[in-house]
Amino acid sequence: MTEDPANALDRRRWPAGLPPVKQLLEQSLDLAPATILVGENGSGKSKNPSMHGDLPFHGKSQVIMSTHSPLLAALPGAQILEAGQWGLRPRKWDDLDLITNWRSFLDAPERYLQHL
């Protein structure tokens, strides 16, 4: 995926300063037929121009999904990219904080529910 030079994003305006967006603007990104973006709230995964058809990026037809769901992130054969202050980085499903946190909750829900 590359930026469309005919419709360039203003580098001085949001969301161009978010690390994942900045990375896309400065580098091309090879996407798999299905790409899953995961990350903490505010990391830029859903503000990523690749998530919106009206923003200045083009590439092959893809399924690009931003999610907090461990089930959706487990889509077989999908490329998983984690968004954060580093930009975008490839991750394995088992290595995601999202998965570690869900496993911890399912192992002992009372640890979390005692705070309600």
C-alpha atoms as a PDB file:
ATOM      1  CA  MET A   1       0.000   0.000   0.000  1.00  0.00           C
ATOM      2  CA  THR A   2       1.365   3.407  -0.942  1.00  0.00           C
ATOM      3  CA  GLU A   3       0.214   6.989  -0.685  1.00  0.00           C
ATOM      4  CA  ASP A   4      -1.604   8.339  -3.724  1.00  0.00           C
ATOM      5  CA  PRO A   5       0.574  11.315  -4.809  1.00  0.00           C
ATOM      6  CA  ALA A   6      -2.427  12.976  -6.453  1.00  0.00           C
ATOM      7  CA  ASN A   7      -4.204  13.101  -3.085  1.00  0.00           C
ATOM      8  CA  ALA A   8      -1.374  13.479  -0.540  1.00  0.00           C
ATOM      9  CA  LEU A   9      -2.140  13.785   3.158  1.00  0.00           C
ATOM     10  CA  ASP A  10      -1.026  17.049   4.825  1.00  0.00           C
ATOM     11  CA  ARG A  11       1.896  16.041   7.071  1.00  0.00           C
ATOM     12  CA  ARG A  12       1.137  18.917   9.496  1.00  0.00           C
ATOM     13  CA  ARG A  13      -2.414  17.774  10.248  1.00  0.00           C
ATOM     14  CA  TRP A  14      -3.968  14.873  12.101  1.00  0.00           C
ATOM     15  CA  PRO A  15      -3.799  11.917  11.578  1.00  0.00           C
ATOM     16  CA  ALA A  16      -0.437  12.235   9.791  1.00  0.00           C
ATOM     17  CA  GLY A  17       1.450  12.541  13.103  1.00  0.00           C
ATOM     18  CA  LEU A  18       0.249   9.229  14.521  1.00  0.00           C
ATOM     19  CA  PRO A  19       3.168   6.749  14.339  1.00  0.00           C
ATOM     20  CA  PRO A  20       1.286   4.059  12.347  1.00  0.00           C
ATOM     21  CA  VAL A  21       0.038   6.653   9.835  1.00  0.00           C
ATOM     22  CA  LYS A  22       3.456   8.322   9.634  1.00  0.00           C
ATOM     23  CA  GLN A  23       4.997   4.932   8.895  1.00  0.00           C
ATOM     24  CA  LEU A  24       2.571   4.378   6.032  1.00  0.00           C
ATOM     25  CA  LEU A  25       3.313   7.829   4.641  1.00  0.00           C
ATOM     26  CA  GLU A  26       7.072   7.274   4.731  1.00  0.00           C
ATOM     27  CA  GLN A  27       7.190   3.619   3.689  1.00  0.00           C
ATOM     28  CA  SER A  28       5.076   1.370   1.567  1.00  0.00           C
ATOM     29  CA  LEU A  29       3.360  -1.536   3.287  1.00  0.00           C
ATOM     30  CA  ASP A  30       2.864  -4.990   1.840  1.00  0.00           C
ATOM     31  CA  LEU A  31      -0.536  -6.279   2.867  1.00  0.00           C
ATOM     32  CA  ALA A  32      -1.722  -9.855   2.925  1.00  0.00           C
ATOM     33  CA  PRO A  33      -5.141 -10.770   1.476  1.00  0.00           C
ATOM     34  CA  ALA A  34      -6.393 -10.205   5.054  1.00  0.00           C
ATOM     35  CA  THR A  35      -4.636  -7.844   7.452  1.00  0.00           C
ATOM     36  CA  ILE A  36      -5.674  -7.374  11.087  1.00  0.00           C
ATOM     37  CA  LEU A  37      -4.659  -4.208  12.976  1.00  0.00           C
ATOM     38  CA  VAL A  38      -4.576  -4.503  16.764  1.00  0.00           C
ATOM     39  CA  GLY A  39      -3.397  -2.118  19.479  1.00  0.00           C
ATOM     40  CA  GLU A  40      -4.388  -0.138  22.519  1.00  0.00           C
ATOM     41  CA  ASN A  41      -7.015   2.584  22.329  1.00  0.00           C
ATOM     42  CA  GLY A  42      -5.412   5.707  20.907  1.00  0.00           C
ATOM     43  CA  SER A  43      -2.630   3.797  19.120  1.00  0.00           C
ATOM     44  CA  GLY A  44      -3.847   4.901  15.699  1.00  0.00           C
ATOM     45  CA  LYS A  45      -5.081   1.560  14.391  1.00  0.00           C
ATOM     46  CA  SER A  46      -8.562   2.811  13.484  1.00  0.00           C
ATOM     47  CA  LYS A  47      -7.290   6.239  12.396  1.00  0.00           C
ATOM     48  CA  ASN A  48      -5.023   4.555   9.923  1.00  0.00           C
ATOM     49  CA  PRO A  49      -5.741   5.816   6.401  1.00  0.00           C
ATOM     50  CA  SER A  50      -5.756   2.242   5.160  1.00  0.00           C
ATOM     51  CA  MET A  51      -9.012   1.782   7.085  1.00  0.00           C
ATOM     52  CA  HIS A  52     -10.875   4.449   5.129  1.00  0.00           C
ATOM     53  CA  GLY A  53     -11.554   4.312   1.401  1.00  0.00           C
ATOM     54  CA  ASP A  54     -11.693   8.098   1.042  1.00  0.00           C
ATOM     55  CA  LEU A  55      -8.143   8.744   2.233  1.00  0.00           C
ATOM     56  CA  PRO A  56      -5.082   8.978  -0.005  1.00  0.00           C
ATOM     57  CA  PHE A  57      -3.793   5.422  -0.154  1.00  0.00           C
ATOM     58  CA  HIS A  58      -4.097   2.765  -2.788  1.00  0.00           C
ATOM     59  CA  GLY A  59      -3.150  -0.847  -3.112  1.00  0.00           C
ATOM     60  CA  LYS A  60      -4.561  -4.241  -3.988  1.00  0.00           C
ATOM     61  CA  SER A  61      -8.021  -5.233  -2.821  1.00  0.00           C
ATOM     62  CA  GLN A  62      -7.742  -6.382   0.770  1.00  0.00           C
ATOM     63  CA  VAL A  63      -9.646  -7.147   3.897  1.00  0.00           C
ATOM     64  CA  ILE A  64      -8.258  -4.701   6.466  1.00  0.00           C
ATOM     65  CA  MET A  65      -9.795  -4.933   9.925  1.00  0.00           C
ATOM     66  CA  SER A  66      -9.123  -3.026  13.141  1.00  0.00           C
ATOM     67  CA  THR A  67     -10.202  -4.947  16.233  1.00  0.00           C
ATOM     68  CA  HIS A  68      -9.891  -5.649  19.946  1.00  0.00           C
ATOM     69  CA  SER A  69     -11.493  -9.072  19.424  1.00  0.00           C
ATOM     70  CA  PRO A  70      -9.283 -12.130  19.942  1.00  0.00           C
ATOM     71  CA  LEU A  71     -11.694 -14.114  17.768  1.00  0.00           C
ATOM     72  CA  LEU A  72     -11.489 -11.736  14.816  1.00  0.00           C
ATOM     73  CA  ALA A  73      -7.716 -11.400  15.228  1.00  0.00           C
ATOM     74  CA  ALA A  74      -7.459 -15.196  14.837  1.00  0.00           C
ATOM     75  CA  LEU A  75      -8.643 -15.122  11.213  1.00  0.00           C
ATOM     76  CA  PRO A  76      -6.713 -18.002   9.584  1.00  0.00           C
ATOM     77  CA  GLY A  77      -3.953 -16.828   7.272  1.00  0.00           C
ATOM     78  CA  ALA A  78      -4.298 -13.155   8.227  1.00  0.00           C
ATOM     79  CA  GLN A  79      -1.333 -10.870   8.660  1.00  0.00           C
ATOM     80  CA  ILE A  80      -1.449  -9.258  12.135  1.00  0.00           C
ATOM     81  CA  LEU A  81       0.023  -5.785  12.581  1.00  0.00           C
ATOM     82  CA  GLU A  82       0.196  -4.215  16.024  1.00  0.00           C
ATOM     83  CA  ALA A  83      -0.187  -0.420  16.135  1.00  0.00           C
ATOM     84  CA  GLY A  84       1.561   1.663  18.766  1.00  0.00           C
ATOM     85  CA  GLN A  85       4.129   4.375  19.421  1.00  0.00           C
ATOM     86  CA  TRP A  86       6.554   2.383  17.230  1.00  0.00           C
ATOM     87  CA  GLY A  87       4.202   2.493  14.215  1.00  0.00           C
ATOM     88  CA  LEU A  88       3.073  -0.871  12.826  1.00  0.00           C
ATOM     89  CA  ARG A  89       4.879  -4.143  13.524  1.00  0.00           C
ATOM     90  CA  PRO A  90       4.067  -7.739  12.598  1.00  0.00           C
ATOM     91  CA  ARG A  91       2.984  -9.917  15.512  1.00  0.00           C
ATOM     92  CA  LYS A  92       1.923 -13.516  16.053  1.00  0.00           C
ATOM     93  CA  TRP A  93      -1.526 -14.061  17.546  1.00  0.00           C
ATOM     94  CA  ASP A  94      -0.136 -15.815  20.654  1.00  0.00           C
ATOM     95  CA  ASP A  95       2.199 -12.871  21.324  1.00  0.00           C
ATOM     96  CA  LEU A  96      -0.476 -10.164  21.419  1.00  0.00           C
ATOM     97  CA  ASP A  97      -1.194  -8.443  24.747  1.00  0.00           C
ATOM     98  CA  LEU A  98      -4.842  -8.808  23.782  1.00  0.00           C
ATOM     99  CA  ILE A  99      -4.522 -12.601  23.920  1.00  0.00           C
ATOM    100  CA  THR A 100      -2.450 -12.637  27.121  1.00  0.00           C
ATOM    101  CA  ASN A 101      -5.018 -10.429  28.868  1.00  0.00           C
ATOM    102  CA  TRP A 102      -7.989 -12.548  27.757  1.00  0.00           C
ATOM    103  CA  ARG A 103      -6.245 -15.760  28.837  1.00  0.00           C
ATOM    104  CA  SER A 104      -5.515 -14.231  32.235  1.00  0.00           C
ATOM    105  CA  PHE A 105      -9.156 -13.233  32.646  1.00  0.00           C
ATOM    106  CA  LEU A 106     -10.479 -16.636  31.572  1.00  0.00           C
ATOM    107  CA  ASP A 107      -8.056 -18.425  33.917  1.00  0.00           C
ATOM    108  CA  ALA A 108      -9.340 -16.512  36.967  1.00  0.00           C
ATOM    109  CA  PRO A 109     -12.213 -14.071  36.277  1.00  0.00           C
ATOM    110  CA  GLU A 110     -12.616 -13.409  39.987  1.00  0.00           C
ATOM    111  CA  ARG A 111      -9.316 -11.475  39.972  1.00  0.00           C
ATOM    112  CA  TYR A 112     -10.969  -8.925  37.694  1.00  0.00           C
ATOM    113  CA  LEU A 113     -14.548  -9.107  38.891  1.00  0.00           C
ATOM    114  CA  GLN A 114     -13.655  -8.467  42.546  1.00  0.00           C
ATOM    115  CA  HIS A 115     -13.173  -4.809  41.581  1.00  0.00           C
ATOM    116  CA  LEU A 116     -16.764  -4.321  40.468  1.00  0.00           C
END
